[in-house]
Amino acid sequence: MSFIHLLLLQLSAHLIADYTLQTDKKAKNKNKKGFKSPFLKWHILIVFLSSWILSFDLKFVIASLVIALTHWLIDGFKPKLNKNKRVGKYSFFIDQLLHSSLLIVVSFFFYDKIGHEPIINLNINYLLLFFLLLTTSKPSNIFIKELFIVIEIKIDSKKDDELLKAGRIIGTLERWLIVLFVITNHFEAVGFLIAAKSILRYSPKNNDGFNKTEYVLIGTMLSFGIAITLSVLYLNFK
């Protein structure tokens, strides 16, 4: 198996551990308390198991332990990063860059020094598609939310909690539809989807004067952009 196989497996394991199997409540607790969070140890256990199991290689256990340990250190010190006045609002992106960089380094070192011999013969196209679907689900929702924080676009999360929850579900479904349309060469359906959503999601200003239309429009454009870009990359690399 090539290094790309191993890297895709480990990146997928990271997305599963850091997003799919982690609730917003636990993530907020870790971000606030760091090493003192009661959820951190369980999260690191999930990181280790996800990494080791998805490597499909028993020898990868030491590499998974290293990945879990570095993940623990980064998450443990993240509250300090969040409080930094200069880079605090970029903490999510710094955190993910550190996780991904260390994961790549550890995976490459393992592949180069030991070699990857998975117990299952894995098809690279299926791995790419699985990674694409993972990336365009919850991770994309979090990415868009954090990008809003960076560019200082705010919405009352308590007052509009139902709007945000519905938006996350709709966002994931629309990105998966775009993936389907793009990889099956039905680009015209993407345009139809954009038009349909524009009509359904349009709403005038509410009573407090806040125009949610702009918020939804920016989120929609980011969501569609992510899905289209990743789908086109998938077509070029598969």
Protein backbone atom coordinates (compact mmCIF):
# COMPACT_ATOMS: atom_id res chain seq x y z
CA MET A 1 0.00 0.00 0.00
CA SER A 2 1.17 3.53 -0.79
CA PHE A 3 1.76 6.33 1.70
CA ILE A 4 -1.38 8.05 0.36
CA HIS A 5 -3.46 5.06 1.53
CA LEU A 6 -2.07 5.36 5.06
CA LEU A 7 -2.42 9.14 5.11
CA LEU A 8 -6.06 9.03 3.98
CA LEU A 9 -6.82 6.44 6.64
CA GLN A 10 -5.22 8.54 9.37
CA LEU A 11 -6.84 11.78 8.25
CA SER A 12 -10.19 9.98 8.22
CA ALA A 13 -9.50 8.65 11.73
CA HIS A 14 -8.77 12.20 12.86
CA LEU A 15 -12.05 13.51 11.43
CA ILE A 16 -14.02 10.70 13.05
CA ALA A 17 -12.41 11.23 16.46
CA ASP A 18 -12.37 15.03 16.45
CA TYR A 19 -15.78 15.62 14.86
CA THR A 20 -18.07 12.64 14.27
CA LEU A 21 -17.56 11.08 17.73
CA GLN A 22 -17.23 14.35 19.64
CA THR A 23 -20.27 16.38 20.71
CA ASP A 24 -20.32 20.17 20.81
CA LYS A 25 -20.72 20.05 24.60
CA LYS A 26 -17.57 17.98 25.07
CA ALA A 27 -15.60 20.10 22.61
CA LYS A 28 -16.54 23.32 24.42
CA ASN A 29 -15.62 21.78 27.78
CA LYS A 30 -12.19 20.75 26.47
CA ASN A 31 -11.60 24.14 24.89
CA LYS A 32 -12.36 25.83 28.20
CA LYS A 33 -10.67 23.49 30.70
CA GLY A 34 -7.92 21.79 28.70
CA PHE A 35 -6.05 19.25 30.82
CA LYS A 36 -8.66 19.67 33.57
CA SER A 37 -11.53 18.58 31.34
CA PRO A 38 -13.02 15.20 32.33
CA PHE A 39 -13.72 14.54 28.65
CA LEU A 40 -10.12 14.94 27.48
CA LYS A 41 -8.93 11.47 28.53
CA TRP A 42 -11.88 9.77 26.80
CA HIS A 43 -11.35 11.87 23.71
CA ILE A 44 -7.69 10.84 23.56
CA LEU A 45 -8.67 7.19 23.96
CA ILE A 46 -11.01 7.58 20.97
CA VAL A 47 -8.21 9.29 19.01
CA PHE A 48 -5.86 6.37 19.74
CA LEU A 49 -8.40 3.66 18.89
CA SER A 50 -9.57 5.42 15.72
CA SER A 51 -6.00 5.82 14.53
CA TRP A 52 -4.97 2.25 15.29
CA ILE A 53 -8.12 0.53 14.02
CA LEU A 54 -8.25 2.52 10.77
CA SER A 55 -4.59 1.85 10.07
CA PHE A 56 -5.57 -1.82 9.57
CA ASP A 57 -2.02 -2.62 10.70
CA LEU A 58 -1.22 -4.01 14.16
CA LYS A 59 2.30 -2.56 13.96
CA PHE A 60 0.86 0.95 13.82
CA VAL A 61 0.04 0.82 17.55
CA ILE A 62 3.14 2.80 18.58
CA ALA A 63 2.47 5.43 15.92
CA SER A 64 -1.13 5.70 17.16
CA LEU A 65 0.12 6.22 20.71
CA VAL A 66 2.37 9.05 19.50
CA ILE A 67 -0.54 10.63 17.60
CA ALA A 68 -2.77 10.35 20.69
CA LEU A 69 -0.08 11.81 22.98
CA THR A 70 0.56 14.82 20.75
CA HIS A 71 -3.21 15.27 20.39
CA TRP A 72 -3.50 15.31 24.20
CA LEU A 73 -0.79 17.98 24.50
CA ILE A 74 -2.31 20.21 21.83
CA ASP A 75 -5.85 19.96 23.24
CA GLY A 76 -4.57 20.37 26.79
CA PHE A 77 -2.85 23.65 26.03
CA LYS A 78 -5.58 24.96 23.72
CA PRO A 79 -7.33 27.06 26.42
CA LYS A 80 -4.16 29.17 26.65
CA LEU A 81 -4.26 29.64 22.89
CA ASN A 82 -7.95 30.60 23.03
CA LYS A 83 -7.18 33.36 25.54
CA ASN A 84 -4.37 34.87 23.49
CA LYS A 85 -5.49 38.30 22.31
CA ARG A 86 -3.56 38.18 19.05
CA VAL A 87 -4.28 34.69 17.76
CA GLY A 88 -7.14 33.49 19.97
CA LYS A 89 -9.77 33.72 17.26
CA TYR A 90 -7.57 31.62 14.98
CA SER A 91 -7.15 28.87 17.60
CA PHE A 92 -9.32 26.35 15.72
CA PHE A 93 -7.23 26.65 12.55
CA ILE A 94 -3.94 26.55 14.46
CA ASP A 95 -5.16 23.52 16.41
CA GLN A 96 -6.16 21.62 13.27
CA LEU A 97 -2.95 22.59 11.47
CA LEU A 98 -0.87 21.20 14.34
CA HIS A 99 -2.90 17.98 14.54
CA SER A 100 -2.71 17.41 10.78
CA SER A 101 1.00 18.26 10.52
CA LEU A 102 2.01 15.91 13.32
CA LEU A 103 -0.25 13.19 11.93
CA ILE A 104 1.44 13.50 8.53
CA VAL A 105 4.93 13.42 10.07
CA VAL A 106 4.20 10.36 12.22
CA SER A 107 2.53 8.51 9.34
CA PHE A 108 5.40 9.26 6.96
CA PHE A 109 8.02 8.18 9.52
CA PHE A 110 6.14 4.90 10.10
CA TYR A 111 5.72 4.25 6.38
CA ASP A 112 9.34 5.07 5.62
CA LYS A 113 10.95 3.15 8.51
CA ILE A 114 8.57 0.23 9.07
CA GLY A 115 6.22 0.01 6.11
CA HIS A 116 2.45 -0.17 5.94
CA GLU A 117 1.04 -3.69 5.58
CA PRO A 118 -2.74 -3.50 6.17
CA ILE A 119 -4.69 -6.69 6.71
CA ILE A 120 -7.27 -5.50 4.14
CA ASN A 121 -6.58 -4.59 0.52
CA LEU A 122 -7.94 -1.06 0.28
CA ASN A 123 -9.11 0.61 -2.93
CA ILE A 124 -7.76 4.17 -3.17
CA ASN A 125 -10.91 5.44 -4.92
CA TYR A 126 -13.15 4.22 -2.10
CA LEU A 127 -10.82 5.77 0.46
CA LEU A 128 -10.91 9.11 -1.35
CA LEU A 129 -14.70 9.04 -1.56
CA PHE A 130 -15.03 8.11 2.13
CA PHE A 131 -12.68 10.95 3.08
CA LEU A 132 -14.60 13.35 0.84
CA LEU A 133 -17.94 12.47 2.48
CA LEU A 134 -16.41 12.77 5.95
CA THR A 135 -14.88 16.17 5.19
CA THR A 136 -18.10 17.58 3.75
CA SER A 137 -20.15 16.59 6.80
CA LYS A 138 -19.63 17.93 10.33
CA PRO A 139 -16.04 19.19 9.79
CA SER A 140 -17.28 21.59 7.11
CA ASN A 141 -19.99 22.89 9.44
CA ILE A 142 -17.40 23.61 12.14
CA PHE A 143 -15.01 25.15 9.61
CA ILE A 144 -17.69 27.60 8.42
CA LYS A 145 -18.68 28.48 11.99
CA GLU A 146 -15.06 29.18 12.95
CA LEU A 147 -14.52 31.20 9.79
CA PHE A 148 -17.47 33.37 10.80
CA ILE A 149 -15.70 34.02 14.11
CA VAL A 150 -12.52 35.08 12.31
CA ILE A 151 -14.32 37.51 9.99
CA GLU A 152 -16.54 38.63 12.90
CA ILE A 153 -19.93 37.67 11.54
CA LYS A 154 -22.16 37.00 14.52
CA ILE A 155 -25.63 35.61 15.16
CA ASP A 156 -27.41 35.19 18.48
CA SER A 157 -26.65 31.49 19.09
CA LYS A 158 -29.16 31.23 21.95
CA LYS A 159 -32.01 33.02 20.22
CA ASP A 160 -31.42 31.32 16.87
CA ASP A 161 -30.37 27.89 18.14
CA GLU A 162 -32.98 26.09 16.04
CA LEU A 163 -31.88 28.01 12.94
CA LEU A 164 -28.27 26.97 13.50
CA LYS A 165 -29.13 23.30 14.10
CA ALA A 166 -31.31 23.14 11.00
CA GLY A 167 -28.62 24.94 9.02
CA ARG A 168 -26.01 22.32 9.97
CA ILE A 169 -28.23 19.45 8.83
CA ILE A 170 -29.21 21.21 5.62
CA GLY A 171 -25.58 22.16 5.00
CA THR A 172 -24.38 18.56 5.25
CA LEU A 173 -27.16 17.25 3.01
CA GLU A 174 -26.62 19.91 0.35
CA ARG A 175 -22.86 19.27 0.29
CA TRP A 176 -23.45 15.54 -0.13
CA LEU A 177 -25.87 16.27 -2.98
CA ILE A 178 -23.27 18.51 -4.62
CA VAL A 179 -20.65 15.75 -4.26
CA LEU A 180 -23.06 13.35 -5.97
CA PHE A 181 -23.84 15.80 -8.77
CA VAL A 182 -20.20 16.75 -9.43
CA ILE A 183 -18.70 13.25 -9.40
CA THR A 184 -21.47 12.05 -11.74
CA ASN A 185 -20.89 15.06 -14.05
CA HIS A 186 -24.27 16.67 -13.48
CA PHE A 187 -23.07 20.23 -12.85
CA GLU A 188 -26.38 21.67 -14.04
CA ALA A 189 -28.05 20.13 -10.98
CA VAL A 190 -25.74 22.18 -8.73
CA GLY A 191 -27.12 25.38 -10.27
CA PHE A 192 -30.67 24.12 -9.75
CA LEU A 193 -29.88 23.35 -6.10
CA ILE A 194 -28.49 26.86 -5.54
CA ALA A 195 -31.59 28.43 -7.09
CA ALA A 196 -33.95 26.20 -5.10
CA LYS A 197 -32.24 26.98 -1.80
CA SER A 198 -32.19 30.71 -2.53
CA ILE A 199 -35.97 30.67 -2.89
CA LEU A 200 -36.66 28.45 0.12
CA ARG A 201 -34.25 30.13 2.54
CA TYR A 202 -34.99 33.77 1.68
CA SER A 203 -36.64 35.71 4.47
CA PRO A 204 -37.08 39.43 5.15
CA LYS A 205 -35.68 41.20 8.19
CA ASN A 206 -37.12 40.02 11.45
CA ASN A 207 -38.47 42.24 14.21
CA ASP A 208 -35.09 42.93 15.82
CA GLY A 209 -33.72 44.30 12.55
CA PHE A 210 -31.11 41.59 12.04
CA ASN A 211 -31.12 40.35 8.48
CA LYS A 212 -30.47 36.62 8.56
CA THR A 213 -30.55 36.47 4.77
CA GLU A 214 -26.95 37.72 4.52
CA TYR A 215 -25.84 35.23 7.17
CA VAL A 216 -27.49 32.35 5.31
CA LEU A 217 -26.16 33.58 1.95
CA ILE A 218 -22.54 33.70 3.15
CA GLY A 219 -22.87 30.29 4.80
CA THR A 220 -24.44 28.83 1.66
CA MET A 221 -21.72 30.17 -0.62
CA LEU A 222 -19.00 28.82 1.67
CA SER A 223 -20.78 25.47 1.93
CA PHE A 224 -21.23 25.14 -1.83
CA GLY A 225 -17.67 26.32 -2.45
CA ILE A 226 -16.22 23.69 -0.11
CA ALA A 227 -18.27 20.88 -1.65
CA ILE A 228 -17.53 21.84 -5.26
CA THR A 229 -13.80 22.37 -4.64
CA LEU A 230 -13.33 19.07 -2.81
CA SER A 231 -15.41 17.18 -5.38
CA VAL A 232 -13.35 18.55 -8.26
CA LEU A 233 -10.15 17.64 -6.41
CA TYR A 234 -11.53 14.14 -5.93
CA LEU A 235 -12.15 13.80 -9.67
CA ASN A 236 -8.60 14.92 -10.41
CA PHE A 237 -6.91 12.66 -7.89
CA LYS A 238 -8.94 9.46 -8.03
